[in-house]
C-alpha atoms as a PDB file:
ATOM      1  CA  UNK A   1      32.845   0.343-106.600  1.00  0.00           C
ATOM      2  CA  UNK A   2      32.222   2.669-103.803  1.00  0.00           C
ATOM      3  CA  UNK A   3      35.352   2.310-101.661  1.00  0.00           C
ATOM      4  CA  UNK A   4      34.496   0.545 -97.942  1.00  0.00           C
ATOM      5  CA  UNK A   5      36.482   3.597 -95.819  1.00  0.00           C
ATOM      6  CA  UNK A   6      35.200   6.446 -98.056  1.00  0.00           C
ATOM      7  CA  UNK A   7      31.710   8.812 -95.960  1.00  0.00           C
ATOM      8  CA  UNK A   8      28.959   8.443 -97.055  1.00  0.00           C
ATOM      9  CA  UNK A   9      26.458  10.934 -96.616  1.00  0.00           C
ATOM     10  CA  UNK A  10      23.752   9.946 -94.250  1.00  0.00           C
ATOM     11  CA  UNK A  11      20.342   9.573 -96.682  1.00  0.00           C
ATOM     12  CA  UNK A  12      21.826  12.247 -99.409  1.00  0.00           C
ATOM     13  CA  UNK A  13      21.728  10.824-103.624  1.00  0.00           C
ATOM     14  CA  UNK A  14      24.861   9.762-104.637  1.00  0.00           C
ATOM     15  CA  UNK A  15      26.274  11.148-108.932  1.00  0.00           C
ATOM     16  CA  UNK A  16      27.026   7.856-109.415  1.00  0.00           C
ATOM     17  CA  UNK A  17      28.710   7.411-113.640  1.00  0.00           C
ATOM     18  CA  UNK A  18      27.785   4.056-114.652  1.00  0.00           C
ATOM     19  CA  UNK A  19      30.514   1.372-115.931  1.00  0.00           C
ATOM     20  CA  UNK A  20      30.152  -1.793-117.548  1.00  0.00           C
ATOM     21  CA  UNK A  21      30.026  -3.949-114.379  1.00  0.00           C
ATOM     22  CA  UNK A  22      31.119  -1.508-112.370  1.00  0.00           C
ATOM     23  CA  UNK A  23      30.491   1.989-111.046  1.00  0.00           C
ATOM     24  CA  UNK A  24      32.094   4.917-110.380  1.00  0.00           C
ATOM     25  CA  UNK A  25      30.729   7.529-107.231  1.00  0.00           C
ATOM     26  CA  UNK A  26      31.016  11.295-108.751  1.00  0.00           C
ATOM     27  CA  UNK A  27      29.494  12.109-105.258  1.00  0.00           C
ATOM     28  CA  UNK A  28      28.885   9.815-102.109  1.00  0.00           C
ATOM     29  CA  UNK A  29      25.612   9.704-100.676  1.00  0.00           C
ATOM     30  CA  UNK A  30      23.959   6.077 -99.557  1.00  0.00           C
ATOM     31  CA  UNK A  31      21.121   5.940-101.838  1.00  0.00           C
ATOM     32  CA  UNK A  32      20.456   6.829-105.721  1.00  0.00           C
ATOM     33  CA  UNK A  33      17.272   6.016-107.575  1.00  0.00           C
ATOM     34  CA  UNK A  34      15.364   4.031-109.745  1.00  0.00           C
ATOM     35  CA  UNK A  35      15.399   5.596-113.080  1.00  0.00           C
ATOM     36  CA  UNK A  36      12.178   3.426-114.087  1.00  0.00           C
ATOM     37  CA  UNK A  37       9.818   3.126-110.332  1.00  0.00           C
ATOM     38  CA  UNK A  38      11.355   6.179-108.731  1.00  0.00           C
ATOM     39  CA  UNK A  39      12.565   4.202-105.914  1.00  0.00           C
ATOM     40  CA  UNK A  40      15.199   4.749-103.809  1.00  0.00           C
ATOM     41  CA  UNK A  41      18.773   1.811-104.437  1.00  0.00           C
ATOM     42  CA  UNK A  42      20.704   1.523-101.460  1.00  0.00           C
ATOM     43  CA  UNK A  43      24.249   2.117-102.937  1.00  0.00           C
ATOM     44  CA  UNK A  44      24.921  -1.847-101.072  1.00  0.00           C
ATOM     45  CA  UNK A  45      22.086  -2.934-102.528  1.00  0.00           C
ATOM     46  CA  UNK A  46      22.886  -1.477-106.163  1.00  0.00           C
ATOM     47  CA  UNK A  47      22.872  -4.321-108.267  1.00  0.00           C
ATOM     48  CA  UNK A  48      21.288  -3.233-111.722  1.00  0.00           C
ATOM     49  CA  UNK A  49      22.263  -0.326-113.875  1.00  0.00           C
ATOM     50  CA  UNK A  50      22.440   1.001-117.776  1.00  0.00           C
ATOM     51  CA  UNK A  51      25.688   2.650-118.399  1.00  0.00           C
ATOM     52  CA  UNK A  52      24.347   3.681-121.878  1.00  0.00           C
ATOM     53  CA  UNK A  53      21.421   5.331-120.071  1.00  0.00           C
ATOM     54  CA  UNK A  54      23.539   6.347-116.878  1.00  0.00           C
ATOM     55  CA  UNK A  55      20.653   5.249-114.426  1.00  0.00           C
ATOM     56  CA  UNK A  56      19.613   2.341-111.787  1.00  0.00           C
ATOM     57  CA  UNK A  57      17.095  -0.087-111.065  1.00  0.00           C
ATOM     58  CA  UNK A  58      15.838  -1.597-108.607  1.00  0.00           C
ATOM     59  CA  UNK A  59      14.902  -5.201-109.500  1.00  0.00           C
ATOM     60  CA  UNK A  60      14.655  -6.992-112.884  1.00  0.00           C
ATOM     61  CA  UNK A  61      11.078  -6.274-113.408  1.00  0.00           C
ATOM     62  CA  UNK A  62      12.332  -2.732-113.794  1.00  0.00           C
ATOM     63  CA  UNK A  63      15.088  -3.497-116.245  1.00  0.00           C
ATOM     64  CA  UNK A  64      12.649  -5.311-118.421  1.00  0.00           C
ATOM     65  CA  UNK A  65      10.410  -2.396-118.397  1.00  0.00           C
ATOM     66  CA  UNK A  66      12.959   0.188-120.008  1.00  0.00           C
ATOM     67  CA  UNK A  67      14.139  -2.421-122.184  1.00  0.00           C
ATOM     68  CA  UNK A  68      10.801  -3.104-123.159  1.00  0.00           C
ATOM     69  CA  UNK A  69      10.219   0.829-123.685  1.00  0.00           C
ATOM     70  CA  UNK A  70      12.990   1.193-125.346  1.00  0.00           C
ATOM     71  CA  UNK A  71      12.492  -0.900-127.916  1.00  0.00           C
ATOM     72  CA  UNK A  72       9.068   0.603-128.518  1.00  0.00           C
ATOM     73  CA  UNK A  73      11.291   4.100-128.923  1.00  0.00           C
ATOM     74  CA  UNK A  74      13.344   2.427-131.309  1.00  0.00           C
ATOM     75  CA  UNK A  75      10.182   1.310-133.752  1.00  0.00           C
ATOM     76  CA  UNK A  76       8.915   4.484-133.486  1.00  0.00           C
END
C-alpha cells in the first residue's frame, strides 16, 4: 500500500505493481486507470486489481467483465 507520508503528484497517473492482497507504488501519482473502462481510480479508492494482468478495476462489474473476456479468450 502507499505510504501515507509518501508524496503523491496531484492529478498524475501512478504506476503500480499489483501483488496478492497488496500493491507497490512504482511511480507516485493520485490515480490509476481501470483496465476495462478507462475510468480514473483514485489511489485511496483502489480496491480491485489483477495480479496476472497487472491492471486495476473501478468496480466489481469491471472485474466480472474482464473475467468473462478472459474465459472466452481461453476457449478460443
